[in-house]
């Protein structure tokens, strides 16, 4: 099964793809309007033949914004199955891993959200 992991943010979204038991960073989408974001994700779902979406969920205000985004995305991509999964500390983990890998700060910043989505999705795959 091919799974798309989403690390939602107010200005950019990190994406990861999971196949079988392995997740890897896919892309970062910068956006200004939610409808164009949903369109781009819909295109990725079609091209990559995604069978399920896992959206990272955190607490507080961004958690509520993530739920609203997920509702809009789900209504656009229904009947594709959706799940939420805890993404607590994935951004910090992604920063730490990129430093340990010796990646330049500039390169790491560009893909940080995709790395965070990958960590969240890998945790999800490992838990199932």
Protein backbone atom coordinates (compact mmCIF):
# COMPACT_ATOMS: atom_id res chain seq x y z
CA UNK A 1 0.00 0.00 0.00
CA UNK A 2 1.27 3.47 -0.90
CA UNK A 3 0.74 6.07 1.83
CA UNK A 4 1.17 9.84 1.68
CA UNK A 5 2.33 11.49 4.89
CA UNK A 6 1.55 15.17 5.38
CA UNK A 7 3.21 17.58 7.81
CA UNK A 8 0.85 20.57 7.61
CA UNK A 9 2.00 24.12 8.21
CA UNK A 10 0.42 27.51 7.57
CA UNK A 11 2.85 28.48 4.78
CA UNK A 12 4.32 25.16 3.67
CA UNK A 13 3.52 21.47 3.80
CA UNK A 14 5.97 18.60 3.99
CA UNK A 15 5.15 15.41 2.14
CA UNK A 16 6.51 11.89 2.48
CA UNK A 17 5.69 8.68 0.65
CA UNK A 18 5.54 5.32 2.37
CA UNK A 19 5.61 2.04 0.52
CA UNK A 20 5.42 -1.15 2.54
CA UNK A 21 7.27 -0.46 5.78
CA UNK A 22 9.55 2.33 4.55
CA UNK A 23 8.88 6.10 4.41
CA UNK A 24 10.98 8.68 2.59
CA UNK A 25 10.78 12.46 2.10
CA UNK A 26 8.92 13.45 -1.05
CA UNK A 27 8.53 17.22 -1.36
CA UNK A 28 7.73 20.54 0.31
CA UNK A 29 4.89 22.63 -1.08
CA UNK A 30 4.84 26.35 -0.33
CA UNK A 31 1.40 27.87 -0.74
CA UNK A 32 -0.68 30.97 -0.12
CA UNK A 33 -4.13 29.53 -0.68
CA UNK A 34 -5.53 26.27 0.63
CA UNK A 35 -7.45 25.45 -2.56
CA UNK A 36 -4.27 25.46 -4.66
CA UNK A 37 -2.57 23.31 -2.00
CA UNK A 38 -5.40 20.78 -2.11
CA UNK A 39 -5.18 20.74 -5.92
CA UNK A 40 -1.43 20.05 -5.85
CA UNK A 41 -1.86 17.27 -3.30
CA UNK A 42 -4.65 15.79 -5.42
CA UNK A 43 -2.30 15.69 -8.42
CA UNK A 44 0.37 13.94 -6.34
CA UNK A 45 -2.17 11.40 -5.10
CA UNK A 46 -3.08 10.56 -8.70
CA UNK A 47 0.48 10.47 -10.06
CA UNK A 48 1.84 8.42 -7.16
CA UNK A 49 -1.27 6.20 -6.92
CA UNK A 50 -1.63 6.93 -3.19
CA UNK A 51 -4.03 4.61 -1.38
CA UNK A 52 -4.12 6.31 2.02
CA UNK A 53 -3.20 9.64 3.61
CA UNK A 54 -1.75 10.10 7.09
CA UNK A 55 -1.76 13.64 8.43
CA UNK A 56 0.51 14.62 11.29
CA UNK A 57 -1.42 16.16 14.16
CA UNK A 58 0.01 18.37 16.84
CA UNK A 59 -1.62 20.29 19.66
CA UNK A 60 -2.91 23.85 20.13
CA UNK A 61 -3.81 26.26 17.32
CA UNK A 62 -1.89 24.49 14.57
CA UNK A 63 -3.68 21.25 15.51
CA UNK A 64 -7.04 22.93 14.94
CA UNK A 65 -5.83 24.41 11.64
CA UNK A 66 -4.61 20.96 10.61
CA UNK A 67 -8.04 19.45 11.31
CA UNK A 68 -9.74 22.11 9.16
CA UNK A 69 -7.26 21.50 6.35
CA UNK A 70 -7.77 17.73 6.64
CA UNK A 71 -11.56 18.13 6.38
CA UNK A 72 -11.20 20.19 3.19
CA UNK A 73 -8.67 17.75 1.74
CA UNK A 74 -10.80 14.73 2.63
CA UNK A 75 -13.92 16.19 1.02
CA UNK A 76 -11.88 16.82 -2.13
CA UNK A 77 -10.26 13.36 -2.24
CA UNK A 78 -13.04 11.22 -0.79
CA UNK A 79 -13.28 8.14 -0.59
CA UNK A 80 -9.51 7.94 -0.01
CA UNK A 81 -8.90 6.79 3.60
CA UNK A 82 -7.40 9.36 5.98
CA UNK A 83 -5.85 9.03 9.41
CA UNK A 84 -4.24 11.37 11.89
CA UNK A 85 -1.01 10.48 13.66
CA UNK A 86 0.92 12.30 16.38
CA UNK A 87 3.72 14.43 14.93
CA UNK A 88 5.07 15.79 18.21
CA UNK A 89 8.77 16.69 17.94
CA UNK A 90 9.20 15.48 14.35
CA UNK A 91 10.51 18.88 13.21
CA UNK A 92 13.14 18.85 15.95
CA UNK A 93 14.05 15.26 15.06
CA UNK A 94 14.37 16.24 11.39
CA UNK A 95 16.71 19.13 12.28
CA UNK A 96 18.84 16.87 14.45
CA UNK A 97 19.11 14.15 11.79
CA UNK A 98 20.08 16.63 9.07
CA UNK A 99 22.85 18.04 11.29
CA UNK A 100 24.09 14.53 12.10
CA UNK A 101 24.14 13.71 8.38
CA UNK A 102 26.34 16.76 7.75
CA UNK A 103 23.77 18.36 5.47
CA UNK A 104 24.20 22.09 4.84
CA UNK A 105 21.76 24.27 6.75
CA UNK A 106 20.43 25.77 3.50
CA UNK A 107 19.68 22.37 1.96
CA UNK A 108 18.21 21.04 5.21
CA UNK A 109 15.87 24.02 5.59
CA UNK A 110 14.49 23.47 2.11
CA UNK A 111 13.43 19.91 2.85
CA UNK A 112 12.96 20.06 6.64
CA UNK A 113 9.18 19.71 6.45
CA UNK A 114 9.47 16.71 4.12
CA UNK A 115 11.93 15.12 6.56
CA UNK A 116 9.49 15.77 9.40
CA UNK A 117 6.67 14.22 7.35
CA UNK A 118 8.90 11.22 6.69
CA UNK A 119 9.68 10.75 10.39
CA UNK A 120 5.98 11.01 11.28
CA UNK A 121 5.02 8.57 8.53
CA UNK A 122 7.79 6.12 9.49
CA UNK A 123 6.54 6.19 13.10
CA UNK A 124 3.03 5.51 11.80
CA UNK A 125 4.20 2.59 9.64
CA UNK A 126 6.24 1.15 12.51
CA UNK A 127 3.21 1.28 14.82
CA UNK A 128 1.02 -0.74 12.43
